Amino acid sequence: MIMLKGLGDVGNLMKLQKEMKNMQKKLKKFRMDGASSDGTVKVTVNGEFSLLSVSIDEAGDAKKLEKMVLEAVNDAVEKMKQYSASEMAKLTGGMNIPGLG
């Protein structure tokens, strides 16, 4: 049996690629909640950063509510970015792999 030098690296990359696809599927199903600073608006995003739900606790000034919705969405998206990055870091052992970040 002839062993090609570097073939182990290819095998590891293929394994990593499969694990990355599994991680992407997991993240797609994951949900993250966010809220405005005053708690009047709550939102949920998925791992693809798509907005899934919006909940508004009180009716009030439309401009204020618009600001609170934006704040809540950005809060949820930022949390999801941090969660995704930490999950990917676990998978890659902290390596910076182009295209994954």
Protein backbone atom coordinates (compact mmCIF):
# COMPACT_ATOMS: atom_id res chain seq x y z
CA MET A 1 0.00 0.00 0.00
CA ILE A 2 1.46 3.33 -1.05
CA MET A 3 0.75 6.30 1.18
CA LEU A 4 0.61 9.66 -0.53
CA LYS A 5 2.24 12.39 1.49
CA GLY A 6 -0.34 14.92 2.62
CA LEU A 7 -3.33 12.64 2.05
CA GLY A 8 -4.07 12.77 5.76
CA ASP A 9 -4.51 16.52 5.46
CA VAL A 10 -7.03 16.03 2.64
CA GLY A 11 -8.93 13.56 4.80
CA ASN A 12 -8.97 16.03 7.66
CA LEU A 13 -10.23 18.79 5.36
CA MET A 14 -13.00 16.54 4.05
CA LYS A 15 -13.99 15.70 7.63
CA LEU A 16 -13.94 19.38 8.56
CA GLN A 17 -16.09 20.21 5.52
CA LYS A 18 -18.68 17.62 6.58
CA GLU A 19 -18.66 18.94 10.15
CA MET A 20 -19.08 22.49 8.83
CA LYS A 21 -22.17 21.45 6.84
CA ASN A 22 -23.62 19.82 9.95
CA MET A 23 -22.88 22.97 11.95
CA GLN A 24 -24.60 25.12 9.32
CA LYS A 25 -27.70 22.90 9.54
CA LYS A 26 -27.65 23.20 13.33
CA LEU A 27 -27.26 26.99 13.18
CA LYS A 28 -30.09 27.29 10.66
CA LYS A 29 -32.46 25.70 13.20
CA PHE A 30 -31.10 27.69 16.16
CA ARG A 31 -33.12 30.65 17.44
CA MET A 32 -31.85 33.77 19.22
CA ASP A 33 -33.99 36.36 21.00
CA GLY A 34 -33.23 40.05 21.22
CA ALA A 35 -34.92 42.97 22.93
CA SER A 36 -34.94 46.72 22.91
CA SER A 37 -33.29 48.44 25.86
CA ASP A 38 -36.66 49.28 27.42
CA GLY A 39 -38.10 45.79 26.79
CA THR A 40 -41.06 47.00 24.74
CA VAL A 41 -39.96 45.12 21.63
CA LYS A 42 -38.79 41.51 21.46
CA VAL A 43 -37.69 39.68 18.33
CA THR A 44 -36.39 36.27 17.30
CA VAL A 45 -33.91 35.53 14.51
CA ASN A 46 -32.58 32.23 13.17
CA GLY A 47 -29.01 31.21 12.39
CA GLU A 48 -29.33 32.71 8.93
CA PHE A 49 -30.08 36.08 10.57
CA SER A 50 -33.67 36.05 9.27
CA LEU A 51 -36.26 37.75 11.44
CA LEU A 52 -38.80 35.15 12.63
CA SER A 53 -41.00 37.07 15.04
CA VAL A 54 -41.67 40.51 16.49
CA SER A 55 -43.53 41.16 19.75
CA ILE A 56 -44.49 44.68 20.86
CA ASP A 57 -45.65 45.01 24.47
CA GLU A 58 -47.22 48.44 24.29
CA ALA A 59 -48.72 50.74 21.72
CA GLY A 60 -47.17 54.17 21.71
CA ASP A 61 -45.22 56.64 19.70
CA ALA A 62 -44.63 55.11 16.24
CA LYS A 63 -41.16 56.65 15.90
CA LYS A 64 -40.13 55.28 19.28
CA LEU A 65 -41.47 51.83 18.37
CA GLU A 66 -39.59 51.88 15.06
CA LYS A 67 -36.38 52.67 16.94
CA MET A 68 -37.06 49.93 19.49
CA VAL A 69 -37.74 47.36 16.71
CA LEU A 70 -34.43 48.20 15.06
CA GLU A 71 -32.65 47.98 18.39
CA ALA A 72 -34.20 44.59 19.20
CA VAL A 73 -33.41 43.13 15.76
CA ASN A 74 -29.82 44.34 15.92
CA ASP A 75 -29.52 42.89 19.44
CA ALA A 76 -30.71 39.45 18.29
CA VAL A 77 -28.51 39.49 15.16
CA GLU A 78 -25.42 40.47 17.16
CA LYS A 79 -26.09 37.66 19.66
CA MET A 80 -26.51 35.18 16.80
CA LYS A 81 -23.25 36.35 15.20
CA GLN A 82 -21.42 35.82 18.49
CA TYR A 83 -23.02 32.39 18.98
CA SER A 84 -22.21 31.33 15.41
CA ALA A 85 -18.62 32.49 15.75
CA SER A 86 -18.16 30.60 19.02
CA GLU A 87 -19.65 27.41 17.54
CA MET A 88 -17.40 27.66 14.47
CA ALA A 89 -14.37 28.33 16.69
CA LYS A 90 -15.13 25.12 18.59
CA LEU A 91 -15.21 23.24 15.29
CA THR A 92 -12.06 24.75 13.80
CA GLY A 93 -10.10 24.92 17.03
CA GLY A 94 -9.81 28.68 16.66
CA MET A 95 -8.14 28.48 13.22
CA ASN A 96 -8.98 31.36 10.92
CA ILE A 97 -10.25 29.65 7.77
CA PRO A 98 -11.05 32.00 4.86
CA GLY A 99 -14.69 31.94 3.83
CA LEU A 100 -15.97 30.65 7.16
CA GLY A 101 -15.95 33.80 9.09
